[in-house]
Amino acid sequence: MELTVFLWIVMRLLLNSVIEGNLLADNNLTEVVSTPHPLNSGSGNTTSFVDQWTDLTTTSSTLTQSEVLPRVGTLPDLEINDRAGSSFFAPEVPTTHNFDRLMKQFGGSSFSTPNPPTTSRSKSTARGYQYGVPIKAVDDFLRLPAPLATSECTDNNPAGFLVNQATYCSRRFDIAANCSNFRALSIQRYLHFSILPSPSASSDSAIPLLLTSVNLRSLNGTLTHPSDRAADNWLPRLHDDICVNVVLEVNYVIVYNDKGKIVNASVAFILGAIENNMVPIQQHFQITFIQDNTTGVPLSGNPGYIVGLPLVAGFGPNASFGIIQSKNRLGQLTVIKSSTNQDCLWMEGLRTPVLFGYNLHSGCTLRIMNSTTCHQWSQIIRNLLIGQNFPNIVASFGNSPVQYVKDWVTIKQFTSRAQSCDCEVPQSLALRVMWTKYGSLINPQAKIVDVTQTIRKTCIMMPLKSAKTLHISTSVTFTDMSASAQPGYKMRPTIDAKLPYDFFFPFL
C-alpha cells in the first residue's frame, strides 16, 4: 500500500515537471518542440500519449527519439485567436515610461480596447434623434426653463426628443432696472437660434425657428392678436412704469419624420404687460412633437366622454393587429338615419353616429313581397340595422388608446326570438349604453361600463297573401349607473376634559 502511494506521488511530480517544462537535462533527452504530435503527424508513428507515459514510468526514466512526449501547447483541435485577450498573462508593471499609456487604457469605468467594435446602435444614432436625447442647436441645446428646488426658473433644462413637456416657473426682477435688459423676458431669448435636424448634422443644415403667432395679454387679462409678426417690434420696454411685451408663454412645436430627423420647428408667444405689484411673474413653457405626414385622431373626451361627441368604437382585440379603428370619426358606431322618405331601401347606407348622452330613436318602413325569399329579406333587414361593419368594442373613455385593451368594453349581443315560424326576420335594434361618473365629485368623468345590443325578431307568414309593410326601428339609450351622492355626517366630538387633581384645593 505504501509503495503504491509512493509511486503515485512520483508519477504526479514527473507529470507536472513535463507540463511545466522543468525536467532536468539528460544526455538522451530530445528537444520536445522538434517532434510533432503523433496524432497530427503524417508519419506512421501512432504511439499515443498514454503509451509514451506508460513507457516513461515503467521502463525507463529517460526518453529516446521514438518516445518523445508531445508538446502540451500543440494539443489537437485547440486554436487560440487572441492570446492577449484569452490568456492570464502577468500584468505589466507601471513605470514612468508606460504610466500614461496604462492610465489611458485602464483609468476609465471600463477597459478600453485599441479598436472598439462598431455597433449598429452607433450607426443608427447618426441618422436621427432617439427618444429622450437632448435636441441640439447651433453651439447649444434647445432648453426649456423649468423650476428646480424652488419655483424660480432654471434655464439649463435641455428638451428631450419626443418628450412632451409643460413647465411653470417664476421670474423675479426689478421693472425699472431690468425691463429692457433682462434676456429671460425678451422674445429674442427663445426665438433667435437654429436647431440641428440630427445629432450629427452640421450647422449648415440647421433649421431656424419659425414664429407662427404673437398674442398680447393686457393688464385685465384680455388677449389680442396683432398682425405684425416681426420679433424686433415686440421687445420688452418700459411705458409709464409698466413693462410691456414681457414673455409669459412660449409654445414650441417640433415636426419630425419617421427616421427621427427634425424637419420643422415653430414657436408661438403670449406677451403681457407687468406692473410692480405683479412681480414675481409666472412663465409657462411647452414643447410638443408632431410626426410629419400623419393625421391626428380627434378625441371624444379627456379622459371622460363629453356630451354630444361620438362614441369611440372599433374591432378586436386581434392577436396580430390589436384593436382596429376606422379613420372616420363619425362612422365608428352608427345607426339608421331617419329622413322624410321612410323607404328603407331608399335609405340604405344613410347612417348617423351615436353621440354620447343623446338618446335616439330612428327607423323606416320596408315593403315585403313574395318575390324575395325569407332568407334574403332577413339579410337585407340585418344590413339595414347594423350596417356593413358594426363594431364589437367601445372605448371606456373618450381618449382610450388602442394599446390599452382593458380600457375597452365588449358589446354584448343578444337576440330576442319570436315564436317559431317558417320565416323569422329581424325588426328592431336596441342599443343600451350604461355609464357612470368616475373620479372626484368636483370634476367627475363619464366612463362607459357596459354596452348591450339587442336584436328583436318578428315572424312573417310566408307566402304572403298581399304585400306587407314592416316597420324597422333603432333605439339608443344612455343610462347613468352612478350611485347618487349621499351627504356624510360626522360623528359628534367627544369632550375629554380633565381637571388638575388640586383644582378644588383647599375646599376638597
Protein backbone atom coordinates (compact mmCIF):
# COMPACT_ATOMS: atom_id res chain seq x y z
CA MET A 1 0.00 0.00 0.00
CA GLU A 2 2.79 2.43 0.92
CA LEU A 3 4.67 1.52 -2.26
CA THR A 4 1.60 2.28 -4.37
CA VAL A 5 1.16 5.70 -2.78
CA PHE A 6 4.85 6.46 -3.26
CA LEU A 7 4.70 5.53 -6.99
CA TRP A 8 1.57 7.70 -7.45
CA ILE A 9 3.32 10.71 -5.93
CA VAL A 10 6.39 10.19 -8.12
CA MET A 11 4.23 9.91 -11.25
CA ARG A 12 2.38 13.10 -10.30
CA LEU A 13 5.59 15.05 -9.80
CA LEU A 14 7.01 13.82 -13.10
CA LEU A 15 3.80 14.80 -14.95
CA ASN A 16 3.91 18.32 -13.51
CA SER A 17 7.54 18.64 -14.45
CA VAL A 18 6.82 17.59 -18.02
CA ILE A 19 3.95 20.04 -18.38
CA GLU A 20 5.89 22.93 -16.96
CA GLY A 21 8.97 22.09 -18.97
CA ASN A 22 11.13 21.69 -15.88
CA LEU A 23 12.62 18.21 -16.48
CA LEU A 24 16.28 18.02 -15.70
CA ALA A 25 18.58 17.93 -18.66
CA ASP A 26 19.64 14.48 -19.81
CA ASN A 27 22.09 13.33 -22.40
CA ASN A 28 19.41 11.29 -24.17
CA LEU A 29 16.68 13.98 -23.83
CA THR A 30 15.46 15.26 -27.16
CA GLU A 31 14.05 18.76 -27.72
CA VAL A 32 10.29 18.48 -27.26
CA VAL A 33 9.47 21.11 -29.83
CA SER A 34 11.32 19.26 -32.58
CA THR A 35 8.86 16.36 -32.70
CA PRO A 36 5.24 17.00 -33.75
CA HIS A 37 2.20 15.49 -32.08
CA PRO A 38 1.73 11.86 -33.13
CA LEU A 39 -1.96 12.38 -33.91
CA ASN A 40 -1.25 15.35 -36.15
CA SER A 41 1.75 13.84 -37.89
CA GLY A 42 1.50 12.19 -41.22
CA SER A 43 4.11 9.54 -40.34
CA GLY A 44 3.45 6.01 -39.20
CA ASN A 45 4.26 6.75 -35.58
CA THR A 46 0.97 6.06 -33.77
CA THR A 47 2.30 5.96 -30.22
CA SER A 48 -0.26 7.66 -28.01
CA PHE A 49 0.41 10.00 -25.13
CA VAL A 50 -0.74 7.32 -22.66
CA ASP A 51 1.58 4.72 -24.19
CA GLN A 52 4.50 7.11 -24.01
CA TRP A 53 3.69 7.96 -20.40
CA THR A 54 3.50 4.21 -19.55
CA ASP A 55 6.87 3.64 -21.19
CA LEU A 56 8.29 6.54 -19.25
CA THR A 57 7.14 5.31 -15.83
CA THR A 58 7.52 1.55 -16.22
CA THR A 59 10.51 1.05 -18.46
CA SER A 60 12.95 3.88 -18.14
CA SER A 61 13.31 7.37 -16.80
CA THR A 62 14.99 8.56 -20.00
CA LEU A 63 13.38 9.46 -23.29
CA THR A 64 14.55 8.29 -26.69
CA GLN A 65 13.95 9.79 -30.14
CA SER A 66 10.98 7.50 -30.76
CA GLU A 67 9.39 8.14 -27.36
CA VAL A 68 9.36 11.90 -27.41
CA LEU A 69 6.48 13.44 -25.44
CA PRO A 70 4.19 15.76 -27.38
CA ARG A 71 4.28 19.45 -26.64
CA VAL A 72 1.43 20.49 -24.40
CA GLY A 73 0.76 23.68 -26.37
CA THR A 74 0.13 21.71 -29.59
CA LEU A 75 -2.79 19.56 -28.47
CA PRO A 76 -5.11 18.67 -31.37
CA ASP A 77 -8.12 20.85 -32.23
CA LEU A 78 -7.00 23.68 -29.91
CA GLU A 79 -6.85 27.09 -31.56
CA ILE A 80 -6.31 30.45 -29.87
CA ASN A 81 -7.11 33.54 -31.91
CA ASP A 82 -6.42 36.24 -29.36
CA ARG A 83 -3.70 35.19 -26.96
CA ALA A 84 -3.59 38.60 -25.25
CA GLY A 85 -7.34 38.59 -24.62
CA SER A 86 -7.74 34.91 -23.73
CA SER A 87 -4.71 34.26 -21.53
CA PHE A 88 -3.95 35.20 -17.95
CA PHE A 89 -0.52 36.68 -18.52
CA ALA A 90 1.47 38.63 -15.99
CA PRO A 91 0.29 42.26 -15.76
CA GLU A 92 2.59 45.00 -16.89
CA VAL A 93 4.29 46.80 -14.05
CA PRO A 94 3.67 50.59 -14.21
CA THR A 95 6.78 52.70 -14.72
CA THR A 96 7.44 56.32 -15.52
CA HIS A 97 7.57 55.41 -19.22
CA ASN A 98 4.32 53.44 -19.56
CA PHE A 99 2.18 55.10 -16.87
CA ASP A 100 0.31 57.44 -19.26
CA ARG A 101 -0.46 54.60 -21.64
CA LEU A 102 -1.74 52.31 -18.88
CA MET A 103 -3.77 55.13 -17.35
CA LYS A 104 -5.44 55.77 -20.70
CA GLN A 105 -6.26 52.08 -21.13
CA PHE A 106 -7.40 51.19 -17.59
CA GLY A 107 -8.27 54.52 -15.99
CA GLY A 108 -11.91 54.72 -17.10
CA SER A 109 -15.04 52.98 -15.88
CA SER A 110 -14.34 50.14 -18.34
CA PHE A 111 -11.21 48.84 -20.00
CA SER A 112 -10.75 50.22 -23.49
CA THR A 113 -9.56 48.23 -26.46
CA PRO A 114 -7.32 49.52 -29.25
CA ASN A 115 -10.05 49.18 -31.89
CA PRO A 116 -13.52 49.23 -30.35
CA PRO A 117 -16.13 47.39 -32.44
CA THR A 118 -18.65 49.36 -34.43
CA THR A 119 -22.20 48.56 -33.38
CA SER A 120 -25.44 49.06 -35.20
CA ARG A 121 -26.63 51.38 -32.42
CA SER A 122 -23.86 53.89 -33.09
CA LYS A 123 -24.81 53.88 -36.77
CA SER A 124 -28.49 54.46 -36.04
CA THR A 125 -27.66 57.32 -33.71
CA ALA A 126 -26.01 59.13 -36.58
CA ARG A 127 -29.20 59.01 -38.67
CA GLY A 128 -31.55 60.79 -36.28
CA TYR A 129 -32.55 61.51 -32.72
CA GLN A 130 -33.58 58.79 -30.31
CA TYR A 131 -36.16 59.13 -27.59
CA GLY A 132 -35.03 61.39 -24.76
CA VAL A 133 -31.85 62.60 -26.46
CA PRO A 134 -31.37 66.36 -25.92
CA ILE A 135 -32.17 68.38 -29.04
CA LYS A 136 -29.09 70.12 -30.32
CA ALA A 137 -28.94 73.68 -31.50
CA VAL A 138 -26.05 75.57 -33.04
CA ASP A 139 -23.44 75.84 -30.23
CA ASP A 140 -26.05 74.89 -27.63
CA PHE A 141 -29.17 72.83 -26.88
CA LEU A 142 -32.86 73.63 -27.08
CA ARG A 143 -33.57 74.47 -23.46
CA LEU A 144 -36.92 74.63 -21.72
CA PRO A 145 -36.87 76.68 -18.49
CA ALA A 146 -38.22 74.76 -15.52
CA PRO A 147 -38.28 75.03 -11.72
CA LEU A 148 -35.60 73.20 -9.78
CA ALA A 149 -35.58 73.27 -5.98
CA THR A 150 -37.89 76.29 -5.80
CA SER A 151 -40.39 77.86 -8.17
CA GLU A 152 -37.65 80.04 -9.68
CA CYS A 153 -36.89 79.35 -13.36
CA THR A 154 -33.75 77.41 -14.23
CA ASP A 155 -32.62 77.86 -17.83
CA ASN A 156 -30.36 74.78 -18.01
CA ASN A 157 -33.07 72.22 -18.73
CA PRO A 158 -32.49 70.62 -22.19
CA ALA A 159 -35.56 69.48 -24.11
CA GLY A 160 -35.55 65.74 -24.88
CA PHE A 161 -36.63 64.38 -28.25
CA LEU A 162 -40.27 63.16 -28.27
CA VAL A 163 -40.68 64.21 -24.62
CA ASN A 164 -43.71 66.50 -24.46
CA GLN A 165 -43.28 68.90 -21.57
CA ALA A 166 -45.18 71.75 -19.96
CA THR A 167 -43.48 73.69 -17.18
CA TYR A 168 -44.36 76.65 -14.98
CA CYS A 169 -41.78 78.73 -13.15
CA SER A 170 -41.42 82.26 -11.78
CA ARG A 171 -39.11 85.21 -12.52
CA ARG A 172 -38.21 87.90 -10.06
CA PHE A 173 -36.83 91.19 -11.40
CA ASP A 174 -36.95 94.94 -10.97
CA ILE A 175 -39.20 96.56 -13.55
CA ALA A 176 -37.43 99.92 -13.62
CA ALA A 177 -33.93 98.45 -13.89
CA ASN A 178 -34.42 95.14 -15.76
CA CYS A 179 -37.42 95.60 -18.05
CA SER A 180 -35.46 96.04 -21.28
CA ASN A 181 -32.17 94.26 -20.45
CA PHE A 182 -33.34 91.03 -18.77
CA ARG A 183 -32.97 88.39 -21.52
CA ALA A 184 -35.44 85.98 -19.91
CA LEU A 185 -38.23 88.49 -20.60
CA SER A 186 -37.36 89.04 -24.27
CA ILE A 187 -38.84 87.20 -27.25
CA GLN A 188 -35.38 87.00 -28.81
CA ARG A 189 -34.17 84.74 -26.00
CA TYR A 190 -36.48 81.96 -27.17
CA LEU A 191 -36.54 82.62 -30.90
CA HIS A 192 -33.17 83.57 -32.37
CA PHE A 193 -31.39 80.21 -32.65
CA SER A 194 -31.43 77.24 -35.03
CA ILE A 195 -31.98 73.53 -34.33
CA LEU A 196 -29.90 70.71 -35.81
CA PRO A 197 -32.04 68.13 -37.65
CA SER A 198 -29.97 65.25 -36.20
CA PRO A 199 -27.29 64.92 -33.53
CA SER A 200 -24.51 64.54 -36.10
CA ALA A 201 -25.74 67.23 -38.52
CA SER A 202 -23.59 70.23 -39.34
CA SER A 203 -24.54 73.80 -38.60
CA ASP A 204 -25.10 74.40 -42.32
CA SER A 205 -28.25 72.24 -42.20
CA ALA A 206 -29.64 73.90 -39.06
CA ILE A 207 -33.37 74.66 -39.01
CA PRO A 208 -34.35 78.18 -37.84
CA LEU A 209 -37.37 78.60 -35.59
CA LEU A 210 -40.44 79.92 -37.37
CA LEU A 211 -42.51 82.50 -35.49
CA THR A 212 -46.14 81.47 -36.02
CA SER A 213 -48.08 83.85 -33.76
CA VAL A 214 -47.79 86.57 -31.13
CA ASN A 215 -50.67 87.27 -28.74
CA LEU A 216 -50.81 90.21 -26.36
CA ARG A 217 -52.31 89.97 -22.89
CA SER A 218 -53.43 93.20 -21.24
CA LEU A 219 -53.45 94.00 -17.54
CA ASN A 220 -57.07 92.86 -17.21
CA GLY A 221 -56.32 89.51 -18.93
CA THR A 222 -57.84 90.07 -22.38
CA LEU A 223 -55.98 88.72 -25.41
CA THR A 224 -55.43 90.46 -28.75
CA HIS A 225 -53.85 89.04 -31.88
CA PRO A 226 -51.82 91.65 -33.80
CA SER A 227 -50.99 91.13 -37.44
CA ASP A 228 -47.35 92.24 -37.06
CA ARG A 229 -45.08 89.21 -36.56
CA ALA A 230 -41.72 90.98 -36.67
CA ALA A 231 -39.95 89.90 -33.48
CA ASP A 232 -37.92 93.12 -33.25
CA ASN A 233 -41.13 95.08 -32.83
CA TRP A 234 -42.12 93.16 -29.70
CA LEU A 235 -39.13 93.68 -27.43
CA PRO A 236 -39.75 94.49 -23.75
CA ARG A 237 -39.83 98.18 -22.92
CA LEU A 238 -40.90 100.42 -20.08
CA HIS A 239 -44.01 102.52 -20.60
CA ASP A 240 -45.46 104.59 -17.71
CA ASP A 241 -44.00 102.29 -15.04
CA ILE A 242 -45.42 99.29 -16.89
CA CYS A 243 -43.16 96.74 -18.57
CA VAL A 244 -44.86 95.71 -21.82
CA ASN A 245 -44.10 92.86 -24.24
CA VAL A 246 -42.89 90.54 -21.46
CA VAL A 247 -42.77 86.85 -22.42
CA LEU A 248 -45.44 84.99 -20.43
CA GLU A 249 -45.93 81.83 -22.50
CA VAL A 250 -43.74 80.01 -25.04
CA ASN A 251 -45.07 77.10 -27.09
CA TYR A 252 -42.62 75.11 -29.26
CA VAL A 253 -43.86 72.70 -31.94
CA ILE A 254 -41.29 70.26 -33.36
CA VAL A 255 -42.12 68.30 -36.52
CA TYR A 256 -40.08 65.13 -37.17
CA ASN A 257 -40.10 62.29 -39.71
CA ASP A 258 -40.09 58.53 -39.27
CA LYS A 259 -36.27 58.46 -39.28
CA GLY A 260 -36.02 60.62 -36.19
CA LYS A 261 -34.90 63.76 -38.01
CA ILE A 262 -36.39 67.16 -37.28
CA VAL A 263 -37.89 68.71 -40.40
CA ASN A 264 -39.57 71.81 -39.00
CA ALA A 265 -39.72 73.85 -35.79
CA SER A 266 -42.02 76.71 -34.85
CA VAL A 267 -42.78 78.80 -31.78
CA ALA A 268 -45.72 80.90 -30.57
CA PHE A 269 -45.69 83.54 -27.83
CA ILE A 270 -48.03 85.25 -25.41
CA LEU A 271 -46.65 88.61 -24.32
CA GLY A 272 -48.07 90.63 -21.47
CA ALA A 273 -47.90 93.86 -19.51
CA ILE A 274 -46.44 93.73 -15.99
CA GLU A 275 -46.74 96.15 -13.09
CA ASN A 276 -44.64 96.30 -9.94
CA ASN A 277 -47.26 94.54 -7.83
CA MET A 278 -47.30 91.58 -10.27
CA VAL A 279 -43.65 90.61 -9.65
CA PRO A 280 -42.62 87.81 -9.44
CA ILE A 281 -44.28 86.73 -12.69
CA GLN A 282 -45.11 83.20 -13.76
CA GLN A 283 -43.92 81.95 -17.16
CA HIS A 284 -45.28 78.92 -18.98
CA PHE A 285 -43.17 76.85 -21.40
CA GLN A 286 -44.42 73.99 -23.52
CA ILE A 287 -42.96 71.75 -26.24
CA THR A 288 -44.97 69.40 -28.48
CA PHE A 289 -43.73 66.84 -31.02
CA ILE A 290 -45.71 66.01 -34.17
CA GLN A 291 -44.76 63.39 -36.75
CA ASP A 292 -44.70 64.55 -40.33
CA ASN A 293 -47.32 63.33 -42.83
CA THR A 294 -49.64 61.95 -40.14
CA THR A 295 -53.16 62.89 -39.14
CA GLY A 296 -54.14 63.03 -35.51
CA VAL A 297 -57.24 61.20 -34.28
CA PRO A 298 -59.76 63.55 -32.59
CA LEU A 299 -60.77 62.61 -29.07
CA SER A 300 -64.26 62.41 -27.59
CA GLY A 301 -63.09 63.46 -24.15
CA ASN A 302 -60.06 63.71 -21.91
CA PRO A 303 -60.45 61.37 -20.23
CA GLY A 304 -64.23 61.13 -19.77
CA TYR A 305 -66.72 61.41 -22.62
CA ILE A 306 -68.14 64.82 -23.45
CA VAL A 307 -71.86 65.01 -24.16
CA GLY A 308 -72.52 65.38 -27.88
CA LEU A 309 -69.28 63.79 -29.13
CA PRO A 310 -69.33 60.42 -30.95
CA LEU A 311 -68.62 57.17 -29.20
CA VAL A 312 -65.17 55.69 -29.86
CA ALA A 313 -65.54 52.14 -31.20
CA GLY A 314 -63.53 49.54 -33.08
CA PHE A 315 -62.92 45.89 -33.84
CA GLY A 316 -60.87 43.38 -31.90
CA PRO A 317 -58.78 42.83 -29.99
CA ASN A 318 -56.93 40.74 -32.55
CA ALA A 319 -53.83 38.73 -31.65
CA SER A 320 -51.96 40.12 -34.65
CA PHE A 321 -53.29 43.67 -35.02
CA GLY A 322 -54.78 44.51 -31.61
CA ILE A 323 -57.70 46.96 -31.85
CA ILE A 324 -58.65 48.36 -35.26
CA GLN A 325 -60.43 51.68 -35.67
CA SER A 326 -61.93 53.48 -38.63
CA LYS A 327 -60.33 56.79 -39.57
CA ASN A 328 -63.82 58.22 -39.97
CA ARG A 329 -64.57 59.54 -36.51
CA LEU A 330 -68.31 59.84 -37.23
CA GLY A 331 -68.52 56.38 -38.77
CA GLN A 332 -67.20 54.17 -35.96
CA LEU A 333 -70.60 53.44 -34.37
CA THR A 334 -73.69 54.34 -36.41
CA VAL A 335 -77.41 53.55 -36.67
CA ILE A 336 -80.15 54.15 -39.25
CA LYS A 337 -80.71 57.80 -40.07
CA SER A 338 -84.30 58.99 -40.23
CA SER A 339 -85.46 61.12 -43.14
CA THR A 340 -88.65 62.42 -44.68
CA ASN A 341 -88.65 59.50 -47.09
CA GLN A 342 -89.36 56.47 -44.89
CA ASP A 343 -88.50 53.86 -47.51
CA CYS A 344 -85.76 51.60 -46.06
CA LEU A 345 -84.43 50.56 -49.45
CA TRP A 346 -84.01 54.19 -50.46
CA MET A 347 -82.31 54.97 -47.12
CA GLU A 348 -79.86 52.07 -47.29
CA GLY A 349 -76.38 53.35 -46.49
CA LEU A 350 -77.58 56.51 -44.72
CA ARG A 351 -76.25 56.32 -41.16
CA THR A 352 -75.96 58.71 -38.21
CA PRO A 353 -73.31 58.48 -35.48
CA VAL A 354 -74.16 57.56 -31.91
CA LEU A 355 -73.40 60.64 -29.79
CA PHE A 356 -72.67 60.30 -26.10
CA GLY A 357 -75.57 61.30 -23.88
CA TYR A 358 -78.09 61.62 -26.73
CA ASN A 359 -80.94 59.12 -26.72
CA LEU A 360 -82.03 58.30 -30.25
CA HIS A 361 -84.93 56.64 -32.00
CA SER A 362 -84.98 56.23 -35.78
CA GLY A 363 -86.49 53.92 -38.32
CA CYS A 364 -88.01 53.30 -41.72
CA THR A 365 -90.58 51.12 -43.44
CA LEU A 366 -89.98 48.13 -45.68
CA ARG A 367 -92.49 46.67 -48.13
CA ILE A 368 -92.16 42.88 -48.15
CA MET A 369 -93.40 40.86 -51.11
CA ASN A 370 -93.31 37.22 -52.14
CA SER A 371 -90.86 37.90 -54.95
CA THR A 372 -87.99 37.79 -52.44
CA THR A 373 -87.24 34.79 -50.26
CA CYS A 374 -87.35 34.91 -46.45
CA HIS A 375 -83.58 34.46 -46.15
CA GLN A 376 -82.96 37.38 -48.48
CA TRP A 377 -85.34 39.61 -46.52
CA SER A 378 -83.61 38.65 -43.29
CA GLN A 379 -80.21 39.59 -44.71
CA ILE A 380 -81.49 42.90 -46.11
CA ILE A 381 -83.03 43.95 -42.80
CA ARG A 382 -79.94 42.93 -40.83
CA ASN A 383 -77.75 45.07 -43.07
CA LEU A 384 -80.12 47.97 -42.52
CA LEU A 385 -79.94 47.64 -38.74
CA ILE A 386 -76.21 47.09 -38.12
CA GLY A 387 -74.74 48.39 -41.37
CA GLN A 388 -71.80 46.89 -43.22
CA ASN A 389 -69.31 46.97 -40.33
CA PHE A 390 -70.79 47.17 -36.87
CA PRO A 391 -68.05 47.34 -34.17
CA ASN A 392 -67.78 44.87 -31.32
CA ILE A 393 -65.94 47.01 -28.73
CA VAL A 394 -66.38 50.53 -27.34
CA ALA A 395 -63.82 52.67 -25.52
CA SER A 396 -64.48 53.24 -21.82
CA PHE A 397 -63.13 56.79 -22.00
CA GLY A 398 -63.10 59.36 -24.74
CA ASN A 399 -59.30 59.16 -25.03
CA SER A 400 -58.73 55.43 -24.53
CA PRO A 401 -55.72 54.36 -26.65
CA VAL A 402 -55.91 51.18 -28.69
CA GLN A 403 -52.87 49.80 -26.86
CA TYR A 404 -54.76 49.56 -23.56
CA VAL A 405 -57.16 46.67 -24.19
CA LYS A 406 -58.54 46.85 -20.64
CA ASP A 407 -59.88 50.35 -21.35
CA TRP A 408 -62.32 48.93 -23.91
CA VAL A 409 -65.74 47.37 -23.33
CA THR A 410 -67.03 44.46 -25.41
CA ILE A 411 -70.52 44.97 -26.86
CA LYS A 412 -72.80 42.22 -25.54
CA GLN A 413 -75.06 40.88 -28.27
CA PHE A 414 -78.50 39.41 -27.59
CA THR A 415 -81.26 38.19 -29.85
CA SER A 416 -84.93 38.19 -28.90
CA ARG A 417 -86.55 35.48 -30.98
CA ALA A 418 -90.18 35.35 -31.97
CA GLN A 419 -92.43 32.34 -31.87
CA SER A 420 -91.31 29.51 -34.06
CA CYS A 421 -92.44 30.01 -37.61
CA ASP A 422 -91.31 29.41 -41.14
CA CYS A 423 -89.97 32.96 -41.72
CA GLU A 424 -88.25 34.87 -38.92
CA VAL A 425 -86.66 38.23 -39.74
CA PRO A 426 -85.05 40.99 -37.59
CA GLN A 427 -87.23 44.01 -36.95
CA SER A 428 -85.52 46.30 -34.42
CA LEU A 429 -82.17 47.00 -32.82
CA ALA A 430 -81.87 48.39 -29.28
CA LEU A 431 -78.52 49.74 -28.15
CA ARG A 432 -78.15 50.44 -24.44
CA VAL A 433 -75.08 52.26 -23.14
CA MET A 434 -74.53 52.24 -19.38
CA TRP A 435 -72.09 54.75 -17.98
CA THR A 436 -71.00 56.08 -14.64
CA LYS A 437 -69.31 59.10 -13.13
CA TYR A 438 -65.67 58.32 -12.49
CA GLY A 439 -63.26 60.30 -10.33
CA SER A 440 -63.85 63.09 -7.85
CA LEU A 441 -67.20 64.72 -7.09
CA ILE A 442 -65.78 68.09 -8.07
CA ASN A 443 -64.85 67.05 -11.62
CA PRO A 444 -66.45 63.67 -12.46
CA GLN A 445 -65.57 61.96 -15.73
CA ALA A 446 -68.03 59.97 -17.83
CA LYS A 447 -66.96 56.35 -18.20
CA ILE A 448 -68.79 53.67 -20.19
CA VAL A 449 -69.07 50.45 -18.18
CA ASP A 450 -71.37 48.29 -20.31
CA VAL A 451 -72.90 48.21 -23.80
CA THR A 452 -75.62 45.78 -24.92
CA GLN A 453 -77.04 45.24 -28.40
CA THR A 454 -80.39 43.51 -28.67
CA ILE A 455 -81.92 42.47 -31.99
CA ARG A 456 -85.62 41.69 -31.80
CA LYS A 457 -87.06 39.40 -34.46
CA THR A 458 -90.59 39.01 -35.75
CA CYS A 459 -92.46 36.29 -37.56
CA ILE A 460 -93.83 36.61 -41.09
CA MET A 461 -96.17 34.05 -42.55
CA MET A 462 -94.85 33.22 -45.99
CA PRO A 463 -96.16 33.18 -48.64
CA LEU A 464 -97.99 36.44 -48.17
CA LYS A 465 -101.45 36.95 -49.49
CA SER A 466 -100.54 40.57 -50.22
CA ALA A 467 -97.60 42.92 -49.74
CA LYS A 468 -96.80 43.57 -46.08
CA THR A 469 -95.31 46.76 -44.63
CA LEU A 470 -92.77 46.16 -41.86
CA HIS A 471 -91.56 48.95 -39.57
CA ILE A 472 -87.79 48.75 -38.94
CA SER A 473 -86.58 50.73 -35.91
CA THR A 474 -83.41 51.51 -33.99
CA SER A 475 -83.10 52.96 -30.50
CA VAL A 476 -80.13 54.16 -28.47
CA THR A 477 -80.46 54.69 -24.72
CA PHE A 478 -77.89 56.09 -22.30
CA THR A 479 -78.33 55.05 -18.68
CA ASP A 480 -76.47 56.68 -15.80
CA MET A 481 -75.44 53.92 -13.39
CA SER A 482 -73.76 56.26 -10.90
CA ALA A 483 -74.84 55.97 -7.30
CA SER A 484 -76.26 59.23 -6.06
CA ALA A 485 -74.03 61.14 -3.69
CA GLN A 486 -75.10 60.78 -0.09
CA PRO A 487 -74.40 63.51 2.48
CA GLY A 488 -71.96 62.40 5.11
CA TYR A 489 -72.50 63.18 8.78
CA LYS A 490 -69.57 63.47 11.09
CA MET A 491 -69.72 61.85 14.49
CA ARG A 492 -70.28 64.15 17.45
CA PRO A 493 -66.97 65.10 19.02
CA THR A 494 -66.32 63.69 22.46
CA ILE A 495 -65.06 66.09 25.11
CA ASP A 496 -62.24 64.58 27.09
CA ALA A 497 -61.64 67.28 29.77
CA LYS A 498 -59.61 66.53 32.84
CA LEU A 499 -59.12 68.91 35.78
CA PRO A 500 -55.94 69.04 37.80
CA TYR A 501 -56.11 66.95 40.93
CA ASP A 502 -55.75 70.05 43.17
CA PHE A 503 -58.26 72.19 41.28
CA PHE A 504 -60.65 72.47 44.28
CA PHE A 505 -57.96 72.75 46.95
CA PRO A 506 -58.34 73.66 49.83
CA PHE A 507 -62.13 73.12 49.70
CA LEU A 508 -61.89 69.45 48.97
